[in-house]
N, C-alpha and C. Protein backbone atom coordinates (compact mmCIF):
# COMPACT_ATOMS: atom_id res chain seq x y z
N UNK A 1 3.47 -11.43 13.32
CA UNK A 1 3.65 -11.60 14.73
C UNK A 1 3.03 -10.42 15.46
N UNK A 2 2.10 -10.69 16.38
CA UNK A 2 1.49 -9.66 17.19
C UNK A 2 2.42 -9.33 18.34
N UNK A 3 2.61 -8.04 18.62
CA UNK A 3 3.53 -7.62 19.67
C UNK A 3 2.95 -7.81 21.05
N UNK A 4 1.72 -7.44 21.26
CA UNK A 4 1.10 -7.55 22.58
C UNK A 4 -0.39 -7.81 22.40
N UNK A 5 -1.03 -8.28 23.46
CA UNK A 5 -2.44 -8.64 23.35
C UNK A 5 -3.37 -7.49 23.69
N UNK A 6 -2.86 -6.41 24.23
CA UNK A 6 -3.73 -5.27 24.56
C UNK A 6 -4.16 -4.54 23.29
N UNK A 7 -5.24 -3.78 23.38
CA UNK A 7 -5.71 -2.95 22.27
C UNK A 7 -4.98 -1.61 22.35
N UNK A 8 -4.31 -1.25 21.28
CA UNK A 8 -3.55 -0.01 21.21
C UNK A 8 -4.38 1.07 20.55
N UNK A 9 -4.22 2.29 21.02
CA UNK A 9 -4.84 3.43 20.36
C UNK A 9 -3.86 3.95 19.32
N UNK A 10 -4.34 4.83 18.45
CA UNK A 10 -3.46 5.44 17.46
C UNK A 10 -2.34 6.20 18.16
N UNK A 11 -2.67 6.96 19.20
CA UNK A 11 -1.66 7.74 19.92
C UNK A 11 -0.59 6.83 20.52
N UNK A 12 -0.98 5.69 21.08
CA UNK A 12 0.00 4.75 21.64
C UNK A 12 0.88 4.15 20.55
N UNK A 13 0.27 3.80 19.43
CA UNK A 13 1.03 3.26 18.31
C UNK A 13 2.07 4.26 17.82
N UNK A 14 1.68 5.53 17.73
CA UNK A 14 2.59 6.55 17.20
C UNK A 14 3.80 6.77 18.10
N UNK A 15 3.71 6.37 19.37
CA UNK A 15 4.85 6.52 20.27
C UNK A 15 5.55 5.18 20.55
N UNK A 16 5.06 4.09 19.94
CA UNK A 16 5.66 2.77 20.19
C UNK A 16 7.09 2.72 19.66
N UNK A 17 7.98 2.18 20.47
CA UNK A 17 9.38 2.02 20.09
C UNK A 17 9.89 0.73 20.71
N UNK A 18 10.26 -0.21 19.84
CA UNK A 18 10.78 -1.49 20.35
C UNK A 18 12.30 -1.45 20.55
N UNK A 19 12.90 -0.29 20.31
CA UNK A 19 14.34 -0.14 20.49
C UNK A 19 15.14 -0.56 19.27
N UNK A 20 14.47 -0.95 18.22
CA UNK A 20 15.13 -1.41 17.01
C UNK A 20 14.69 -0.54 15.84
N UNK A 21 15.63 -0.17 15.01
CA UNK A 21 15.28 0.58 13.80
C UNK A 21 15.03 -0.36 12.62
N UNK A 22 15.16 -1.66 12.83
CA UNK A 22 15.08 -2.59 11.71
C UNK A 22 13.70 -3.23 11.52
N UNK A 23 12.76 -2.98 12.42
CA UNK A 23 11.44 -3.59 12.29
C UNK A 23 10.40 -2.55 11.89
N UNK A 24 9.45 -2.99 11.04
CA UNK A 24 8.31 -2.16 10.67
C UNK A 24 7.07 -2.77 11.31
N UNK A 25 6.13 -1.90 11.69
CA UNK A 25 4.91 -2.36 12.33
C UNK A 25 3.70 -1.70 11.69
N UNK A 26 2.62 -2.46 11.61
CA UNK A 26 1.32 -1.90 11.27
C UNK A 26 0.44 -2.04 12.50
N UNK A 27 -0.55 -1.18 12.58
CA UNK A 27 -1.54 -1.26 13.63
C UNK A 27 -2.81 -1.80 12.99
N UNK A 28 -3.23 -2.98 13.42
CA UNK A 28 -4.39 -3.64 12.81
C UNK A 28 -5.45 -3.87 13.85
N UNK A 29 -6.54 -3.09 13.76
CA UNK A 29 -7.64 -3.21 14.70
C UNK A 29 -7.16 -3.18 16.15
N UNK A 30 -6.24 -2.26 16.44
CA UNK A 30 -5.75 -2.08 17.80
C UNK A 30 -4.61 -2.99 18.19
N UNK A 31 -4.15 -3.86 17.29
CA UNK A 31 -3.02 -4.75 17.59
C UNK A 31 -1.81 -4.32 16.78
N UNK A 32 -0.66 -4.24 17.44
CA UNK A 32 0.57 -3.91 16.74
C UNK A 32 1.12 -5.20 16.14
N UNK A 33 1.31 -5.19 14.81
CA UNK A 33 1.75 -6.37 14.07
C UNK A 33 3.12 -6.07 13.46
N UNK A 34 4.10 -6.91 13.77
CA UNK A 34 5.42 -6.75 13.15
C UNK A 34 5.36 -7.29 11.74
N UNK A 35 5.77 -6.47 10.79
CA UNK A 35 5.72 -6.85 9.39
C UNK A 35 7.01 -7.59 9.01
N UNK A 36 6.90 -8.57 8.12
CA UNK A 36 8.10 -9.29 7.71
C UNK A 36 9.01 -8.40 6.87
N UNK A 37 10.28 -8.74 6.86
CA UNK A 37 11.21 -8.03 5.99
C UNK A 37 10.82 -8.31 4.54
N UNK A 38 11.02 -7.32 3.70
CA UNK A 38 10.70 -7.48 2.29
C UNK A 38 11.77 -8.33 1.60
N UNK A 39 11.33 -9.17 0.69
CA UNK A 39 12.26 -9.98 -0.08
C UNK A 39 12.99 -9.11 -1.10
N UNK A 40 14.07 -9.62 -1.61
CA UNK A 40 14.83 -8.92 -2.65
C UNK A 40 13.93 -8.63 -3.86
N UNK A 41 13.13 -9.62 -4.27
CA UNK A 41 12.23 -9.45 -5.41
C UNK A 41 11.19 -8.37 -5.14
N UNK A 42 10.57 -8.39 -3.96
CA UNK A 42 9.56 -7.38 -3.64
C UNK A 42 10.16 -5.98 -3.66
N UNK A 43 11.37 -5.84 -3.14
CA UNK A 43 12.03 -4.53 -3.17
C UNK A 43 12.30 -4.09 -4.61
N UNK A 44 12.75 -5.02 -5.44
CA UNK A 44 13.05 -4.70 -6.84
C UNK A 44 11.77 -4.28 -7.58
N UNK A 45 10.67 -4.96 -7.31
CA UNK A 45 9.39 -4.61 -7.94
C UNK A 45 8.97 -3.20 -7.51
N UNK A 46 9.09 -2.90 -6.24
CA UNK A 46 8.69 -1.58 -5.74
C UNK A 46 9.52 -0.47 -6.40
N UNK A 47 10.81 -0.66 -6.50
CA UNK A 47 11.68 0.34 -7.13
C UNK A 47 11.31 0.49 -8.61
N UNK A 48 11.09 -0.63 -9.29
CA UNK A 48 10.70 -0.60 -10.70
C UNK A 48 9.43 0.23 -10.89
N UNK A 49 8.41 -0.01 -10.04
CA UNK A 49 7.16 0.73 -10.15
C UNK A 49 7.32 2.20 -9.82
N UNK A 50 8.14 2.51 -8.83
CA UNK A 50 8.39 3.92 -8.51
C UNK A 50 8.96 4.66 -9.71
N UNK A 51 9.93 4.04 -10.38
CA UNK A 51 10.51 4.66 -11.57
C UNK A 51 9.48 4.76 -12.70
N UNK A 52 8.66 3.72 -12.87
CA UNK A 52 7.64 3.74 -13.93
C UNK A 52 6.62 4.85 -13.68
N UNK A 53 6.12 4.96 -12.45
CA UNK A 53 5.15 6.01 -12.12
C UNK A 53 5.79 7.39 -12.23
N UNK A 54 7.08 7.46 -11.89
CA UNK A 54 7.80 8.73 -11.95
C UNK A 54 7.91 9.32 -13.34
N UNK A 55 7.63 8.51 -14.36
CA UNK A 55 7.62 9.02 -15.73
C UNK A 55 6.40 9.90 -15.99
N UNK A 56 5.35 9.77 -15.17
CA UNK A 56 4.08 10.43 -15.44
C UNK A 56 3.64 11.45 -14.40
N UNK A 57 4.22 11.39 -13.21
CA UNK A 57 3.83 12.31 -12.14
C UNK A 57 5.09 12.89 -11.51
N UNK A 58 4.95 14.06 -10.88
CA UNK A 58 6.12 14.59 -10.17
C UNK A 58 6.58 13.60 -9.09
N UNK A 59 7.85 13.42 -9.00
CA UNK A 59 8.39 12.46 -8.02
C UNK A 59 8.04 12.85 -6.59
N UNK A 60 7.72 14.13 -6.37
CA UNK A 60 7.33 14.59 -5.04
C UNK A 60 6.02 13.96 -4.56
N UNK A 61 5.24 13.39 -5.48
CA UNK A 61 3.98 12.75 -5.11
C UNK A 61 4.11 11.26 -4.85
N UNK A 62 5.28 10.69 -5.09
CA UNK A 62 5.50 9.26 -4.89
C UNK A 62 6.08 9.00 -3.50
N UNK A 63 5.56 8.00 -2.83
CA UNK A 63 6.03 7.66 -1.48
C UNK A 63 6.30 6.17 -1.37
N UNK A 64 7.25 5.86 -0.55
CA UNK A 64 7.64 4.50 -0.22
C UNK A 64 7.50 4.37 1.29
N UNK A 65 6.76 3.41 1.76
CA UNK A 65 6.62 3.10 3.19
C UNK A 65 6.02 4.25 4.00
N UNK A 66 5.10 5.00 3.43
CA UNK A 66 4.37 6.03 4.16
C UNK A 66 3.14 5.38 4.78
N UNK A 67 2.87 5.72 6.01
CA UNK A 67 1.74 5.12 6.73
C UNK A 67 0.42 5.80 6.33
N UNK A 68 -0.67 5.03 6.45
CA UNK A 68 -2.00 5.58 6.20
C UNK A 68 -2.97 5.04 7.25
N UNK A 69 -3.70 5.95 7.86
CA UNK A 69 -4.71 5.56 8.84
C UNK A 69 -5.96 5.12 8.09
N UNK A 70 -6.44 3.93 8.41
CA UNK A 70 -7.67 3.41 7.80
C UNK A 70 -8.64 3.08 8.93
N UNK A 71 -9.79 2.56 8.58
CA UNK A 71 -10.77 2.22 9.62
C UNK A 71 -10.83 0.71 9.80
N UNK A 72 -11.19 0.31 10.98
CA UNK A 72 -11.37 -1.09 11.32
C UNK A 72 -12.16 -1.14 12.62
N UNK A 73 -12.21 -2.30 13.26
CA UNK A 73 -12.92 -2.39 14.53
C UNK A 73 -12.14 -1.71 15.64
N UNK A 74 -10.87 -1.44 15.38
CA UNK A 74 -10.01 -0.68 16.28
C UNK A 74 -9.10 0.19 15.44
N UNK A 75 -8.23 0.93 16.07
CA UNK A 75 -7.30 1.80 15.34
C UNK A 75 -6.48 0.96 14.36
N UNK A 76 -6.35 1.46 13.12
CA UNK A 76 -5.63 0.73 12.08
C UNK A 76 -4.75 1.69 11.28
N UNK A 77 -3.49 1.32 11.12
CA UNK A 77 -2.53 2.06 10.30
C UNK A 77 -1.83 1.05 9.41
N UNK A 78 -1.87 1.29 8.12
CA UNK A 78 -1.21 0.41 7.15
C UNK A 78 0.02 1.11 6.58
N UNK A 79 0.92 0.31 6.02
CA UNK A 79 2.12 0.84 5.37
C UNK A 79 2.20 0.23 3.97
N UNK A 80 1.53 0.84 2.99
CA UNK A 80 1.61 0.31 1.63
C UNK A 80 3.06 0.38 1.12
N UNK A 81 3.38 -0.51 0.20
CA UNK A 81 4.72 -0.51 -0.37
C UNK A 81 4.96 0.77 -1.17
N UNK A 82 3.94 1.22 -1.89
CA UNK A 82 4.04 2.45 -2.68
C UNK A 82 2.73 3.20 -2.53
N UNK A 83 2.84 4.53 -2.52
CA UNK A 83 1.67 5.38 -2.45
C UNK A 83 1.88 6.55 -3.41
N UNK A 84 0.84 6.86 -4.17
CA UNK A 84 0.85 8.04 -5.03
C UNK A 84 -0.09 9.06 -4.41
N UNK A 85 0.46 10.18 -3.97
CA UNK A 85 -0.33 11.23 -3.34
C UNK A 85 -1.03 12.07 -4.40
N UNK A 86 -2.12 12.70 -4.01
CA UNK A 86 -2.69 13.77 -4.81
C UNK A 86 -1.95 15.04 -4.41
N UNK A 87 -2.08 16.08 -5.20
CA UNK A 87 -1.46 17.35 -4.84
C UNK A 87 -2.04 17.89 -3.53
N UNK A 88 -3.34 17.68 -3.31
CA UNK A 88 -3.98 18.14 -2.07
C UNK A 88 -3.42 17.40 -0.86
N UNK A 89 -3.21 16.11 -1.00
CA UNK A 89 -2.65 15.34 0.10
C UNK A 89 -1.20 15.74 0.36
N UNK A 90 -0.44 15.95 -0.69
CA UNK A 90 0.95 16.39 -0.54
C UNK A 90 0.99 17.70 0.25
N UNK A 91 0.09 18.61 -0.09
CA UNK A 91 0.03 19.90 0.61
C UNK A 91 -0.36 19.71 2.07
N UNK A 92 -1.32 18.82 2.33
CA UNK A 92 -1.77 18.57 3.70
C UNK A 92 -0.67 17.95 4.57
N UNK A 93 0.25 17.22 3.95
CA UNK A 93 1.31 16.55 4.70
C UNK A 93 2.54 17.42 4.92
N UNK A 94 2.61 18.54 4.25
CA UNK A 94 3.78 19.42 4.39
C UNK A 94 3.94 19.83 5.85
N UNK A 95 5.16 19.73 6.34
CA UNK A 95 5.47 20.13 7.71
C UNK A 95 5.18 19.06 8.75
N UNK A 96 4.59 17.93 8.34
CA UNK A 96 4.30 16.86 9.31
C UNK A 96 5.60 16.25 9.80
N UNK A 97 5.64 15.87 11.06
CA UNK A 97 6.85 15.28 11.62
C UNK A 97 6.94 13.77 11.34
N UNK A 98 5.86 13.20 10.83
CA UNK A 98 5.83 11.76 10.55
C UNK A 98 5.10 11.55 9.23
N UNK A 99 5.56 10.61 8.43
CA UNK A 99 4.93 10.29 7.16
C UNK A 99 3.67 9.47 7.36
N UNK A 100 2.63 10.11 7.86
CA UNK A 100 1.37 9.45 8.16
C UNK A 100 0.23 10.21 7.52
N UNK A 101 -0.54 9.51 6.69
CA UNK A 101 -1.76 10.08 6.11
C UNK A 101 -2.86 9.83 7.12
N UNK A 102 -3.25 10.88 7.81
CA UNK A 102 -4.28 10.75 8.84
C UNK A 102 -5.68 10.68 8.22
N UNK A 103 -6.63 10.20 9.01
CA UNK A 103 -8.00 10.00 8.52
C UNK A 103 -8.65 11.30 8.05
N UNK A 104 -8.24 12.43 8.60
CA UNK A 104 -8.85 13.70 8.21
C UNK A 104 -8.18 14.35 7.01
N UNK A 105 -7.22 13.66 6.41
CA UNK A 105 -6.53 14.17 5.22
C UNK A 105 -7.15 13.56 3.96
N UNK A 106 -6.92 14.20 2.81
CA UNK A 106 -7.39 13.59 1.56
C UNK A 106 -6.77 12.20 1.37
N UNK A 107 -7.43 11.37 0.59
CA UNK A 107 -6.91 10.02 0.31
C UNK A 107 -5.84 10.08 -0.76
N UNK A 108 -4.89 9.14 -0.72
CA UNK A 108 -3.96 9.04 -1.84
C UNK A 108 -4.69 8.56 -3.08
N UNK A 109 -4.07 8.76 -4.22
CA UNK A 109 -4.69 8.36 -5.48
C UNK A 109 -4.52 6.86 -5.72
N UNK A 110 -3.33 6.34 -5.42
CA UNK A 110 -3.03 4.91 -5.62
C UNK A 110 -2.26 4.40 -4.41
N UNK A 111 -2.54 3.16 -4.02
CA UNK A 111 -1.65 2.42 -3.13
C UNK A 111 -1.31 1.11 -3.82
N UNK A 112 -0.09 0.66 -3.60
CA UNK A 112 0.38 -0.61 -4.16
C UNK A 112 0.87 -1.47 -3.00
N UNK A 113 0.37 -2.68 -2.94
CA UNK A 113 0.85 -3.68 -1.98
C UNK A 113 1.50 -4.81 -2.77
N UNK A 114 2.72 -5.14 -2.41
CA UNK A 114 3.42 -6.27 -3.01
C UNK A 114 3.35 -7.39 -1.99
N UNK A 115 2.65 -8.45 -2.32
CA UNK A 115 2.31 -9.51 -1.38
C UNK A 115 3.57 -10.27 -0.95
N UNK A 116 3.74 -10.38 0.36
CA UNK A 116 4.81 -11.20 0.92
C UNK A 116 4.28 -12.61 1.12
N UNK A 117 5.16 -13.61 1.11
CA UNK A 117 4.71 -14.99 1.31
C UNK A 117 4.02 -15.18 2.66
N UNK A 118 3.12 -16.15 2.71
CA UNK A 118 2.44 -16.49 3.95
C UNK A 118 0.96 -16.17 3.91
N UNK A 119 0.16 -17.05 4.49
CA UNK A 119 -1.31 -16.92 4.49
C UNK A 119 -1.76 -15.61 5.13
N UNK A 120 -1.17 -15.24 6.27
CA UNK A 120 -1.59 -14.01 6.95
C UNK A 120 -1.35 -12.79 6.07
N UNK A 121 -0.20 -12.76 5.40
CA UNK A 121 0.11 -11.62 4.53
C UNK A 121 -0.85 -11.57 3.35
N UNK A 122 -1.18 -12.74 2.79
CA UNK A 122 -2.12 -12.78 1.66
C UNK A 122 -3.50 -12.31 2.09
N UNK A 123 -3.98 -12.81 3.24
CA UNK A 123 -5.29 -12.37 3.75
C UNK A 123 -5.29 -10.87 3.96
N UNK A 124 -4.22 -10.35 4.52
CA UNK A 124 -4.13 -8.92 4.81
C UNK A 124 -4.22 -8.11 3.52
N UNK A 125 -3.44 -8.49 2.50
CA UNK A 125 -3.40 -7.72 1.26
C UNK A 125 -4.62 -7.92 0.38
N UNK A 126 -5.14 -9.15 0.32
CA UNK A 126 -6.27 -9.44 -0.56
C UNK A 126 -7.62 -9.11 0.06
N UNK A 127 -7.77 -9.27 1.36
CA UNK A 127 -9.08 -9.12 1.98
C UNK A 127 -9.21 -7.84 2.80
N UNK A 128 -8.41 -7.75 3.85
CA UNK A 128 -8.61 -6.67 4.82
C UNK A 128 -8.27 -5.31 4.23
N UNK A 129 -7.13 -5.21 3.59
CA UNK A 129 -6.74 -3.92 3.02
C UNK A 129 -7.69 -3.51 1.91
N UNK A 130 -8.21 -4.46 1.19
CA UNK A 130 -9.15 -4.14 0.11
C UNK A 130 -10.35 -3.36 0.66
N UNK A 131 -10.95 -3.86 1.72
CA UNK A 131 -12.11 -3.16 2.29
C UNK A 131 -11.70 -1.87 2.97
N UNK A 132 -10.55 -1.86 3.64
CA UNK A 132 -10.09 -0.64 4.32
C UNK A 132 -9.77 0.46 3.31
N UNK A 133 -9.10 0.12 2.23
CA UNK A 133 -8.73 1.12 1.24
C UNK A 133 -9.96 1.63 0.48
N UNK A 134 -10.92 0.76 0.24
CA UNK A 134 -12.17 1.21 -0.39
C UNK A 134 -12.89 2.18 0.53
N UNK A 135 -12.99 1.84 1.81
CA UNK A 135 -13.66 2.73 2.77
C UNK A 135 -12.92 4.06 2.89
N UNK A 136 -11.63 4.04 2.69
CA UNK A 136 -10.80 5.25 2.78
C UNK A 136 -10.91 6.11 1.51
N UNK A 137 -11.52 5.54 0.45
CA UNK A 137 -11.74 6.29 -0.78
C UNK A 137 -10.54 6.33 -1.71
N UNK A 138 -9.67 5.35 -1.61
CA UNK A 138 -8.50 5.28 -2.48
C UNK A 138 -8.96 4.80 -3.85
N UNK A 139 -8.72 5.62 -4.88
CA UNK A 139 -9.28 5.37 -6.20
C UNK A 139 -8.74 4.12 -6.88
N UNK A 140 -7.47 3.80 -6.65
CA UNK A 140 -6.88 2.64 -7.33
C UNK A 140 -5.96 1.91 -6.36
N UNK A 141 -6.16 0.60 -6.26
CA UNK A 141 -5.39 -0.25 -5.36
C UNK A 141 -4.79 -1.38 -6.17
N UNK A 142 -3.47 -1.48 -6.17
CA UNK A 142 -2.77 -2.55 -6.89
C UNK A 142 -2.33 -3.62 -5.90
N UNK A 143 -2.61 -4.87 -6.21
CA UNK A 143 -2.08 -6.01 -5.47
C UNK A 143 -1.14 -6.73 -6.42
N UNK A 144 0.14 -6.64 -6.13
CA UNK A 144 1.17 -7.27 -6.96
C UNK A 144 1.60 -8.54 -6.24
N UNK A 145 1.38 -9.68 -6.86
CA UNK A 145 1.65 -10.96 -6.20
C UNK A 145 2.67 -11.77 -6.99
N UNK A 146 3.95 -11.70 -6.59
CA UNK A 146 4.98 -12.45 -7.31
C UNK A 146 4.75 -13.97 -7.28
N UNK A 147 4.27 -14.49 -6.18
CA UNK A 147 4.07 -15.94 -6.06
C UNK A 147 2.97 -16.42 -7.01
N UNK A 148 1.86 -15.67 -7.09
CA UNK A 148 0.76 -16.04 -7.98
C UNK A 148 1.01 -15.57 -9.42
N UNK A 149 2.08 -14.78 -9.60
CA UNK A 149 2.47 -14.25 -10.92
C UNK A 149 1.35 -13.46 -11.58
N UNK A 150 0.69 -12.61 -10.78
CA UNK A 150 -0.32 -11.73 -11.36
C UNK A 150 -0.36 -10.39 -10.62
N UNK A 151 -1.00 -9.45 -11.28
CA UNK A 151 -1.24 -8.13 -10.71
C UNK A 151 -2.74 -7.88 -10.79
N UNK A 152 -3.31 -7.50 -9.67
CA UNK A 152 -4.73 -7.15 -9.63
C UNK A 152 -4.80 -5.63 -9.47
N UNK A 153 -5.53 -4.99 -10.35
CA UNK A 153 -5.77 -3.56 -10.21
C UNK A 153 -7.24 -3.38 -9.88
N UNK A 154 -7.47 -2.77 -8.73
CA UNK A 154 -8.82 -2.52 -8.23
C UNK A 154 -9.12 -1.04 -8.39
N UNK A 155 -10.21 -0.72 -9.05
CA UNK A 155 -10.62 0.66 -9.29
C UNK A 155 -11.91 0.90 -8.52
N UNK A 156 -11.92 1.98 -7.75
CA UNK A 156 -13.09 2.30 -6.92
C UNK A 156 -14.23 2.84 -7.78
N UNK A 157 -15.38 2.15 -7.73
CA UNK A 157 -16.58 2.55 -8.46
C UNK A 157 -17.75 2.49 -7.48
N UNK A 158 -18.35 3.63 -7.21
CA UNK A 158 -19.49 3.71 -6.29
C UNK A 158 -19.20 3.05 -4.94
N UNK A 159 -18.00 3.29 -4.40
CA UNK A 159 -17.65 2.81 -3.07
C UNK A 159 -17.14 1.38 -2.99
N UNK A 160 -17.13 0.66 -4.12
CA UNK A 160 -16.63 -0.72 -4.14
C UNK A 160 -15.58 -0.85 -5.22
N UNK A 161 -14.66 -1.79 -5.03
CA UNK A 161 -13.63 -2.01 -6.03
C UNK A 161 -14.09 -2.98 -7.10
N UNK A 162 -13.80 -2.60 -8.36
CA UNK A 162 -13.93 -3.52 -9.49
C UNK A 162 -12.53 -3.92 -9.86
N UNK A 163 -12.33 -5.20 -10.13
CA UNK A 163 -10.97 -5.67 -10.33
C UNK A 163 -10.70 -6.17 -11.73
N UNK A 164 -9.44 -6.04 -12.11
CA UNK A 164 -8.93 -6.61 -13.35
C UNK A 164 -7.62 -7.31 -13.00
N UNK A 165 -7.43 -8.51 -13.55
CA UNK A 165 -6.25 -9.31 -13.26
C UNK A 165 -5.38 -9.36 -14.50
N UNK A 166 -4.07 -9.16 -14.31
CA UNK A 166 -3.11 -9.15 -15.41
C UNK A 166 -2.00 -10.15 -15.14
N UNK A 167 -1.67 -10.94 -16.17
CA UNK A 167 -0.62 -11.94 -16.06
C UNK A 167 0.27 -11.89 -17.30
N UNK A 168 1.44 -12.49 -17.18
CA UNK A 168 2.34 -12.68 -18.32
C UNK A 168 2.54 -11.45 -19.16
N UNK A 169 2.25 -11.58 -20.45
CA UNK A 169 2.49 -10.49 -21.40
C UNK A 169 1.29 -9.56 -21.58
N UNK A 170 0.29 -9.69 -20.70
CA UNK A 170 -0.85 -8.78 -20.77
C UNK A 170 -0.41 -7.37 -20.38
N UNK A 171 -0.83 -6.41 -21.19
CA UNK A 171 -0.54 -5.01 -20.89
C UNK A 171 -1.40 -4.58 -19.72
N UNK A 172 -0.79 -3.95 -18.72
CA UNK A 172 -1.50 -3.45 -17.54
C UNK A 172 -2.35 -2.26 -17.95
N UNK A 173 -3.59 -2.25 -17.48
CA UNK A 173 -4.50 -1.14 -17.76
C UNK A 173 -4.84 -0.46 -16.44
N UNK A 174 -4.36 0.77 -16.32
CA UNK A 174 -4.57 1.56 -15.11
C UNK A 174 -5.42 2.78 -15.45
N UNK A 175 -6.45 3.02 -14.65
CA UNK A 175 -7.28 4.21 -14.85
C UNK A 175 -6.48 5.47 -14.59
N UNK A 176 -5.55 5.41 -13.66
CA UNK A 176 -4.73 6.57 -13.32
C UNK A 176 -3.64 6.81 -14.34
N UNK A 177 -3.07 5.73 -14.87
CA UNK A 177 -1.97 5.82 -15.83
C UNK A 177 -2.33 5.10 -17.13
N UNK A 178 -3.28 5.62 -17.92
CA UNK A 178 -3.66 4.93 -19.15
C UNK A 178 -2.50 4.86 -20.15
N UNK A 179 -1.54 5.73 -20.02
CA UNK A 179 -0.39 5.75 -20.91
C UNK A 179 0.71 4.77 -20.49
N UNK A 180 0.52 4.09 -19.38
CA UNK A 180 1.51 3.12 -18.90
C UNK A 180 1.65 1.99 -19.90
N UNK A 181 2.86 1.73 -20.32
CA UNK A 181 3.10 0.69 -21.32
C UNK A 181 3.98 -0.39 -20.71
N UNK A 182 3.36 -1.17 -19.81
CA UNK A 182 4.06 -2.24 -19.12
C UNK A 182 3.19 -3.50 -19.12
N UNK A 183 3.85 -4.63 -19.13
CA UNK A 183 3.13 -5.89 -18.97
C UNK A 183 3.29 -6.38 -17.54
N UNK A 184 2.42 -7.29 -17.14
CA UNK A 184 2.53 -7.88 -15.81
C UNK A 184 3.89 -8.56 -15.64
N UNK A 185 4.35 -9.25 -16.67
CA UNK A 185 5.64 -9.92 -16.60
C UNK A 185 6.81 -8.98 -16.36
N UNK A 186 6.75 -7.80 -16.98
CA UNK A 186 7.81 -6.83 -16.76
C UNK A 186 7.83 -6.37 -15.30
N UNK A 187 6.66 -6.08 -14.76
CA UNK A 187 6.59 -5.63 -13.37
C UNK A 187 7.04 -6.74 -12.43
N UNK A 188 6.56 -7.95 -12.68
CA UNK A 188 6.90 -9.09 -11.83
C UNK A 188 8.32 -9.60 -12.05
N UNK A 189 8.96 -9.04 -13.08
CA UNK A 189 10.34 -9.35 -13.42
C UNK A 189 10.53 -10.83 -13.72
N UNK A 190 9.55 -11.34 -14.52
CA UNK A 190 9.62 -12.75 -14.92
C UNK A 190 9.82 -12.88 -16.42
N UNK A 191 10.10 -11.75 -17.10
CA UNK A 191 10.34 -11.85 -18.53
C UNK A 191 11.76 -11.48 -18.85
């Protein structure tokens, strides 16, 4: 759901307040978009992945619902379900009053999007964010899709993402976490 038809700047978005603490918004090409509430399954998947990643990196580098400024035809801010910071990015964010990775900061190492139902959400996660995250230089982008029962891991190679799709009992292969010993089914919680 788009909040208003005007084009918003990043500064306007950062001060936007609908009076409710229960809604999340992304800024997409200058439009403020209200994000749907996460399903119970999507929340469970996010927590599962946070714990799994926490086995290999300091927990101080893991983020949930941290915003990231990306590029588009207008100001764009995304809120990935999970983000793995680099140490440089963690240092750059210290003291910030808002959990926002600005365009002039280093890129996170990984972002994970857990697809919510609906065509608009699928287009956003599969198409738009893919190009935005590649342009932002994010090395690894995970698209976790409970409805399609697969996980796509996109690895940045020469400015473009190369993808691998994992389903069922296939072991997930991550460039960032080669030691990860999980199957797609375990992450999707279908086994």
